[in-house]
PDB file of all heavy atoms in Angstrom:
ATOM      1  N   PRO A   1     122.025 -97.154-100.903  1.00  0.00           N
ATOM      2  CA  PRO A   1     121.280 -97.346-102.161  1.00  0.00           C
ATOM      3  C   PRO A   1     121.608 -98.854-102.592  1.00  0.00           C
ATOM      4  O   PRO A   1     122.731 -99.263-102.384  1.00  0.00           O
ATOM      5  CB  PRO A   1     121.951 -96.232-103.027  1.00  0.00           C
ATOM      6  CG  PRO A   1     123.223 -95.868-102.409  1.00  0.00           C
ATOM      7  CD  PRO A   1     122.965 -96.043-100.905  1.00  0.00           C
ATOM      8  N   VAL A   2     120.727 -99.331-103.482  1.00  0.00           N
ATOM      9  CA  VAL A   2     120.911-100.718-104.051  1.00  0.00           C
ATOM     10  C   VAL A   2     120.581-100.677-105.443  1.00  0.00           C
ATOM     11  O   VAL A   2     119.608 -99.973-105.832  1.00  0.00           O
ATOM     12  CB  VAL A   2     120.030-101.777-103.307  1.00  0.00           C
ATOM     13  CG1 VAL A   2     120.281-103.133-103.911  1.00  0.00           C
ATOM     14  CG2 VAL A   2     120.340-101.800-101.825  1.00  0.00           C
ATOM     15  N   SER A   3     121.213-101.446-106.350  1.00  0.00           N
ATOM     16  CA  SER A   3     120.864-101.504-107.772  1.00  0.00           C
ATOM     17  C   SER A   3     121.312-102.858-108.235  1.00  0.00           C
ATOM     18  O   SER A   3     122.112-103.448-107.695  1.00  0.00           O
ATOM     19  CB  SER A   3     121.537-100.313-108.606  1.00  0.00           C
ATOM     20  OG  SER A   3     122.790-100.450-108.603  1.00  0.00           O
ATOM     21  N   TYR A   4     120.735-103.296-109.255  1.00  0.00           N
ATOM     22  CA  TYR A   4     120.975-104.607-109.945  1.00  0.00           C
ATOM     23  C   TYR A   4     121.055-104.397-111.431  1.00  0.00           C
ATOM     24  O   TYR A   4     120.178-103.905-112.092  1.00  0.00           O
ATOM     25  CB  TYR A   4     119.877-105.584-109.489  1.00  0.00           C
ATOM     26  CG  TYR A   4     119.806-106.025-108.116  1.00  0.00           C
ATOM     27  CD1 TYR A   4     118.801-105.426-107.289  1.00  0.00           C
ATOM     28  CD2 TYR A   4     120.803-106.847-107.624  1.00  0.00           C
ATOM     29  CE1 TYR A   4     118.758-105.922-105.890  1.00  0.00           C
ATOM     30  CE2 TYR A   4     120.700-107.271-106.246  1.00  0.00           C
ATOM     31  CZ  TYR A   4     119.674-106.792-105.367  1.00  0.00           C
ATOM     32  OH  TYR A   4     119.623-107.060-104.162  1.00  0.00           O
ATOM     33  N   ASP A   5     122.040-105.231-111.974  1.00  0.00           N
ATOM     34  CA  ASP A   5     122.089-105.537-113.343  1.00  0.00           C
ATOM     35  C   ASP A   5     121.403-106.852-113.509  1.00  0.00           C
ATOM     36  O   ASP A   5     120.948-107.465-112.483  1.00  0.00           O
ATOM     37  CB  ASP A   5     123.407-105.465-113.990  1.00  0.00           C
ATOM     38  CG  ASP A   5     124.445-106.528-113.290  1.00  0.00           C
ATOM     39  OD1 ASP A   5     124.044-107.344-112.488  1.00  0.00           O
ATOM     40  OD2 ASP A   5     125.596-106.297-113.585  1.00  0.00           O
ATOM     41  N   GLU A   6     121.333-107.489-114.805  1.00  0.00           N
ATOM     42  CA  GLU A   6     120.620-108.668-114.815  1.00  0.00           C
ATOM     43  C   GLU A   6     121.310-109.808-114.059  1.00  0.00           C
ATOM     44  O   GLU A   6     120.566-110.636-113.419  1.00  0.00           O
ATOM     45  CB  GLU A   6     120.598-109.088-116.419  1.00  0.00           C
ATOM     46  CG  GLU A   6     119.791-110.417-116.621  1.00  0.00           C
ATOM     47  CD  GLU A   6     119.644-110.805-118.038  1.00  0.00           C
ATOM     48  OE1 GLU A   6     120.050-110.019-118.983  1.00  0.00           O
ATOM     49  OE2 GLU A   6     119.150-111.893-118.378  1.00  0.00           O
ATOM     50  N   ALA A   7     122.605-109.913-114.138  1.00  0.00           N
ATOM     51  CA  ALA A   7     123.211-111.042-113.479  1.00  0.00           C
ATOM     52  C   ALA A   7     123.080-110.861-111.962  1.00  0.00           C
ATOM     53  O   ALA A   7     122.768-111.887-111.207  1.00  0.00           O
ATOM     54  CB  ALA A   7     124.665-111.074-113.798  1.00  0.00           C
ATOM     55  N   GLY A   8     123.159-109.636-111.494  1.00  0.00           N
ATOM     56  CA  GLY A   8     122.975-109.479-109.952  1.00  0.00           C
ATOM     57  C   GLY A   8     121.678-109.745-109.521  1.00  0.00           C
ATOM     58  O   GLY A   8     121.343-110.340-108.402  1.00  0.00           O
ATOM     59  N   PHE A   9     120.627-109.330-110.374  1.00  0.00           N
ATOM     60  CA  PHE A   9     119.137-109.686-110.113  1.00  0.00           C
ATOM     61  C   PHE A   9     118.953-111.162-110.046  1.00  0.00           C
ATOM     62  O   PHE A   9     118.307-111.703-109.059  1.00  0.00           O
ATOM     63  CB  PHE A   9     118.348-109.065-111.113  1.00  0.00           C
ATOM     64  CG  PHE A   9     116.819-109.441-111.035  1.00  0.00           C
ATOM     65  CD1 PHE A   9     116.022-108.778-110.260  1.00  0.00           C
ATOM     66  CD2 PHE A   9     116.426-110.458-111.829  1.00  0.00           C
ATOM     67  CE1 PHE A   9     114.621-109.071-110.177  1.00  0.00           C
ATOM     68  CE2 PHE A   9     115.126-110.945-111.665  1.00  0.00           C
ATOM     69  CZ  PHE A   9     114.228-110.206-110.858  1.00  0.00           C
ATOM     70  N   ARG A  10     119.388-111.934-111.026  1.00  0.00           N
ATOM     71  CA  ARG A  10     119.214-113.298-111.109  1.00  0.00           C
ATOM     72  C   ARG A  10     119.840-114.053-109.901  1.00  0.00           C
ATOM     73  O   ARG A  10     119.264-114.970-109.360  1.00  0.00           O
ATOM     74  CB  ARG A  10     119.611-113.919-112.389  1.00  0.00           C
ATOM     75  CG  ARG A  10     118.898-113.425-113.590  1.00  0.00           C
ATOM     76  CD  ARG A  10     119.132-114.179-114.863  1.00  0.00           C
ATOM     77  NE  ARG A  10     118.458-113.654-115.983  1.00  0.00           N
ATOM     78  CZ  ARG A  10     117.274-113.870-116.327  1.00  0.00           C
ATOM     79  NH1 ARG A  10     116.440-114.660-115.602  1.00  0.00           N
ATOM     80  NH2 ARG A  10     116.703-113.392-117.438  1.00  0.00           N
ATOM     81  N   TYR A  11     120.981-113.619-109.539  1.00  0.00           N
ATOM     82  CA  TYR A  11     121.727-114.169-108.380  1.00  0.00           C
ATOM     83  C   TYR A  11     120.928-113.884-107.114  1.00  0.00           C
ATOM     84  O   TYR A  11     120.719-114.807-106.212  1.00  0.00           O
ATOM     85  CB  TYR A  11     123.098-113.708-108.337  1.00  0.00           C
ATOM     86  CG  TYR A  11     123.852-114.438-107.132  1.00  0.00           C
ATOM     87  CD1 TYR A  11     124.421-115.687-107.339  1.00  0.00           C
ATOM     88  CD2 TYR A  11     123.918-113.809-105.838  1.00  0.00           C
ATOM     89  CE1 TYR A  11     125.022-116.340-106.202  1.00  0.00           C
ATOM     90  CE2 TYR A  11     124.565-114.433-104.785  1.00  0.00           C
ATOM     91  CZ  TYR A  11     125.107-115.701-105.034  1.00  0.00           C
ATOM     92  OH  TYR A  11     125.778-116.317-103.982  1.00  0.00           O
ATOM     93  N   ALA A  12     120.576-112.614-106.764  1.00  0.00           N
ATOM     94  CA  ALA A  12     119.768-112.220-105.650  1.00  0.00           C
ATOM     95  C   ALA A  12     118.422-113.053-105.519  1.00  0.00           C
ATOM     96  O   ALA A  12     118.084-113.436-104.404  1.00  0.00           O
ATOM     97  CB  ALA A  12     119.486-110.696-105.705  1.00  0.00           C
ATOM     98  N   LEU A  13     117.857-113.164-106.618  1.00  0.00           N
ATOM     99  CA  LEU A  13     116.518-113.858-106.653  1.00  0.00           C
ATOM    100  C   LEU A  13     116.654-115.334-106.314  1.00  0.00           C
ATOM    101  O   LEU A  13     116.007-115.883-105.475  1.00  0.00           O
ATOM    102  CB  LEU A  13     115.791-113.724-107.964  1.00  0.00           C
ATOM    103  CG  LEU A  13     114.331-114.317-108.067  1.00  0.00           C
ATOM    104  CD1 LEU A  13     113.436-113.681-107.029  1.00  0.00           C
ATOM    105  CD2 LEU A  13     113.860-114.099-109.442  1.00  0.00           C
ATOM    106  N   LYS A  14     117.729-115.945-106.971  1.00  0.00           N
ATOM    107  CA  LYS A  14     118.009-117.460-106.684  1.00  0.00           C
ATOM    108  C   LYS A  14     118.455-117.616-105.252  1.00  0.00           C
ATOM    109  O   LYS A  14     118.259-118.696-104.713  1.00  0.00           O
ATOM    110  CB  LYS A  14     119.016-117.949-107.637  1.00  0.00           C
ATOM    111  CG  LYS A  14     118.543-118.068-109.097  1.00  0.00           C
ATOM    112  CD  LYS A  14     117.355-118.999-109.302  1.00  0.00           C
ATOM    113  CE  LYS A  14     117.051-119.194-110.678  1.00  0.00           C
ATOM    114  NZ  LYS A  14     115.806-120.013-110.851  1.00  0.00           N
ATOM    115  N   ALA A  15     119.176-116.666-104.727  1.00  0.00           N
ATOM    116  CA  ALA A  15     119.633-116.822-103.378  1.00  0.00           C
ATOM    117  C   ALA A  15     118.502-116.710-102.372  1.00  0.00           C
ATOM    118  O   ALA A  15     118.720-117.100-101.114  1.00  0.00           O
ATOM    119  CB  ALA A  15     120.665-115.697-103.089  1.00  0.00           C
ATOM    120  N   ASP A  16     117.281-116.198-102.788  1.00  0.00           N
ATOM    121  CA  ASP A  16     116.189-116.116-101.867  1.00  0.00           C
ATOM    122  C   ASP A  16     115.229-117.231-102.106  1.00  0.00           C
ATOM    123  O   ASP A  16     114.400-117.244-103.061  1.00  0.00           O
ATOM    124  CB  ASP A  16     115.482-114.863-102.135  1.00  0.00           C
ATOM    125  CG  ASP A  16     114.291-114.453-101.170  1.00  0.00           C
ATOM    126  OD1 ASP A  16     113.784-115.434-100.640  1.00  0.00           O
ATOM    127  OD2 ASP A  16     113.975-113.347-100.980  1.00  0.00           O
ATOM    128  N   ALA A  17     115.270-118.297-101.275  1.00  0.00           N
ATOM    129  CA  ALA A  17     114.570-119.583-101.603  1.00  0.00           C
ATOM    130  C   ALA A  17     113.069-119.255-101.629  1.00  0.00           C
ATOM    131  O   ALA A  17     112.336-119.773-102.512  1.00  0.00           O
ATOM    132  CB  ALA A  17     114.899-120.581-100.560  1.00  0.00           C
ATOM    133  N   MET A  18     112.581-118.502-100.729  1.00  0.00           N
ATOM    134  CA  MET A  18     111.117-118.177-100.657  1.00  0.00           C
ATOM    135  C   MET A  18     110.686-117.517-101.877  1.00  0.00           C
ATOM    136  O   MET A  18     109.726-117.965-102.566  1.00  0.00           O
ATOM    137  CB  MET A  18     110.824-117.321 -99.442  1.00  0.00           C
ATOM    138  CG  MET A  18     109.392-116.741 -99.264  1.00  0.00           C
ATOM    139  SD  MET A  18     109.075-115.274-100.291  1.00  0.00           S
ATOM    140  CE  MET A  18     110.127-114.007 -99.519  1.00  0.00           C
ATOM    141  N   ALA A  19     111.366-116.476-102.368  1.00  0.00           N
ATOM    142  CA  ALA A  19     110.973-115.733-103.600  1.00  0.00           C
ATOM    143  C   ALA A  19     111.075-116.554-104.751  1.00  0.00           C
ATOM    144  O   ALA A  19     110.142-116.550-105.567  1.00  0.00           O
ATOM    145  CB  ALA A  19     111.943-114.509-103.717  1.00  0.00           C
ATOM    146  N   THR A  20     112.107-117.358-104.854  1.00  0.00           N
ATOM    147  CA  THR A  20     112.285-118.202-105.987  1.00  0.00           C
ATOM    148  C   THR A  20     111.079-119.246-106.131  1.00  0.00           C
ATOM    149  O   THR A  20     110.486-119.451-107.150  1.00  0.00           O
ATOM    150  CB  THR A  20     113.530-118.990-106.003  1.00  0.00           C
ATOM    151  OG1 THR A  20     114.637-118.119-105.971  1.00  0.00           O
ATOM    152  CG2 THR A  20     113.730-120.043-107.143  1.00  0.00           C
ATOM    153  N   GLU A  21     110.822-119.908-104.954  1.00  0.00           N
ATOM    154  CA  GLU A  21     109.739-120.835-104.950  1.00  0.00           C
ATOM    155  C   GLU A  21     108.295-120.239-105.237  1.00  0.00           C
ATOM    156  O   GLU A  21     107.556-120.734-106.012  1.00  0.00           O
ATOM    157  CB  GLU A  21     109.719-121.638-103.623  1.00  0.00           C
ATOM    158  CG  GLU A  21     110.932-122.460-103.468  1.00  0.00           C
ATOM    159  CD  GLU A  21     110.981-123.134-102.051  1.00  0.00           C
ATOM    160  OE1 GLU A  21     109.884-123.252-101.393  1.00  0.00           O
ATOM    161  OE2 GLU A  21     112.110-123.504-101.660  1.00  0.00           O
ATOM    162  N   LYS A  22     108.117-119.171-104.537  1.00  0.00           N
ATOM    163  CA  LYS A  22     106.742-118.520-104.645  1.00  0.00           C
ATOM    164  C   LYS A  22     106.522-117.838-106.079  1.00  0.00           C
ATOM    165  O   LYS A  22     105.440-117.864-106.683  1.00  0.00           O
ATOM    166  CB  LYS A  22     106.517-117.548-103.617  1.00  0.00           C
ATOM    167  CG  LYS A  22     106.507-118.011-102.229  1.00  0.00           C
ATOM    168  CD  LYS A  22     105.674-119.185-101.960  1.00  0.00           C
ATOM    169  CE  LYS A  22     104.236-118.829-101.811  1.00  0.00           C
ATOM    170  NZ  LYS A  22     103.302-119.989-101.426  1.00  0.00           N
ATOM    171  N   LEU A  23     107.540-117.344-106.653  1.00  0.00           N
ATOM    172  CA  LEU A  23     107.413-116.820-107.954  1.00  0.00           C
ATOM    173  C   LEU A  23     107.052-117.975-108.996  1.00  0.00           C
ATOM    174  O   LEU A  23     106.033-117.750-109.763  1.00  0.00           O
ATOM    175  CB  LEU A  23     108.770-116.141-108.457  1.00  0.00           C
ATOM    176  CG  LEU A  23     108.749-115.625-109.898  1.00  0.00           C
ATOM    177  CD1 LEU A  23     107.625-114.521-110.193  1.00  0.00           C
ATOM    178  CD2 LEU A  23     110.116-115.049-110.274  1.00  0.00           C
ATOM    179  N   ALA A  24     107.801-119.067-108.929  1.00  0.00           N
ATOM    180  CA  ALA A  24     107.598-120.195-109.937  1.00  0.00           C
ATOM    181  C   ALA A  24     106.092-120.685-109.621  1.00  0.00           C
ATOM    182  O   ALA A  24     105.314-121.001-110.578  1.00  0.00           O
ATOM    183  CB  ALA A  24     108.589-121.258-109.622  1.00  0.00           C
ATOM    184  N   GLU A  25     105.837-120.859-108.279  1.00  0.00           N
ATOM    185  CA  GLU A  25     104.616-121.356-108.024  1.00  0.00           C
ATOM    186  C   GLU A  25     103.401-120.503-108.483  1.00  0.00           C
ATOM    187  O   GLU A  25     102.409-120.975-109.030  1.00  0.00           O
ATOM    188  CB  GLU A  25     104.361-121.479-106.495  1.00  0.00           C
ATOM    189  CG  GLU A  25     103.100-121.979-105.928  1.00  0.00           C
ATOM    190  CD  GLU A  25     103.152-121.957-104.400  1.00  0.00           C
ATOM    191  OE1 GLU A  25     102.770-120.990-103.814  1.00  0.00           O
ATOM    192  OE2 GLU A  25     103.385-123.082-103.778  1.00  0.00           O
ATOM    193  N   GLY A  26     103.466-119.174-108.307  1.00  0.00           N
ATOM    194  CA  GLY A  26     102.534-118.203-108.821  1.00  0.00           C
ATOM    195  C   GLY A  26     102.369-118.283-110.278  1.00  0.00           C
ATOM    196  O   GLY A  26     101.247-118.254-110.744  1.00  0.00           O
ATOM    197  N   ILE A  27     103.461-118.282-111.043  1.00  0.00           N
ATOM    198  CA  ILE A  27     103.365-118.330-112.415  1.00  0.00           C
ATOM    199  C   ILE A  27     102.629-119.641-112.855  1.00  0.00           C
ATOM    200  O   ILE A  27     101.715-119.634-113.782  1.00  0.00           O
ATOM    201  CB  ILE A  27     104.752-118.326-113.141  1.00  0.00           C
ATOM    202  CG1 ILE A  27     105.301-116.880-112.886  1.00  0.00           C
ATOM    203  CG2 ILE A  27     104.724-118.596-114.606  1.00  0.00           C
ATOM    204  CD1 ILE A  27     106.835-116.753-113.364  1.00  0.00           C
ATOM    205  N   ARG A  28     102.929-120.766-112.265  1.00  0.00           N
ATOM    206  CA  ARG A  28     102.269-121.965-112.559  1.00  0.00           C
ATOM    207  C   ARG A  28     100.795-121.942-112.374  1.00  0.00           C
ATOM    208  O   ARG A  28      99.968-122.370-113.209  1.00  0.00           O
ATOM    209  CB  ARG A  28     102.982-123.208-111.741  1.00  0.00           C
ATOM    210  CG  ARG A  28     104.312-123.577-112.264  1.00  0.00           C
ATOM    211  CD  ARG A  28     104.567-124.960-111.695  1.00  0.00           C
ATOM    212  NE  ARG A  28     104.576-124.982-110.183  1.00  0.00           N
ATOM    213  CZ  ARG A  28     105.604-124.733-109.402  1.00  0.00           C
ATOM    214  NH1 ARG A  28     106.769-124.411-109.997  1.00  0.00           N
ATOM    215  NH2 ARG A  28     105.443-124.837-108.072  1.00  0.00           N
ATOM    216  N   ALA A  29     100.426-121.376-111.208  1.00  0.00           N
ATOM    217  CA  ALA A  29      99.002-121.296-110.847  1.00  0.00           C
ATOM    218  C   ALA A  29      98.250-120.392-111.783  1.00  0.00           C
ATOM    219  O   ALA A  29      97.053-120.748-112.207  1.00  0.00           O
ATOM    220  CB  ALA A  29      98.849-120.822-109.429  1.00  0.00           C
ATOM    221  N   PHE A  30      98.701-119.171-112.092  1.00  0.00           N
ATOM    222  CA  PHE A  30      98.011-118.259-113.028  1.00  0.00           C
ATOM    223  C   PHE A  30      98.082-118.925-114.422  1.00  0.00           C
ATOM    224  O   PHE A  30      97.010-118.790-115.098  1.00  0.00           O
ATOM    225  CB  PHE A  30      98.793-117.003-113.097  1.00  0.00           C
ATOM    226  CG  PHE A  30      98.504-116.012-111.895  1.00  0.00           C
ATOM    227  CD1 PHE A  30      99.297-114.927-111.596  1.00  0.00           C
ATOM    228  CD2 PHE A  30      97.438-116.271-111.047  1.00  0.00           C
ATOM    229  CE1 PHE A  30      99.071-114.130-110.538  1.00  0.00           C
ATOM    230  CE2 PHE A  30      97.214-115.560-109.964  1.00  0.00           C
ATOM    231  CZ  PHE A  30      97.966-114.443-109.652  1.00  0.00           C
ATOM    232  N   ALA A  31      99.065-119.615-114.911  1.00  0.00           N
ATOM    233  CA  ALA A  31      99.045-120.217-116.207  1.00  0.00           C
ATOM    234  C   ALA A  31      98.095-121.353-116.254  1.00  0.00           C
ATOM    235  O   ALA A  31      97.255-121.412-117.209  1.00  0.00           O
ATOM    236  CB  ALA A  31     100.437-120.775-116.496  1.00  0.00           C
TER     237      ALA A  31
END
């Protein structure tokens, strides 16, 4: 089992270069 609080989530997301880049890119494009 895996769970995240806010700090753990933010760290896990930042540790994933692909997800960090694509999330930011997607928000920019939709905006």
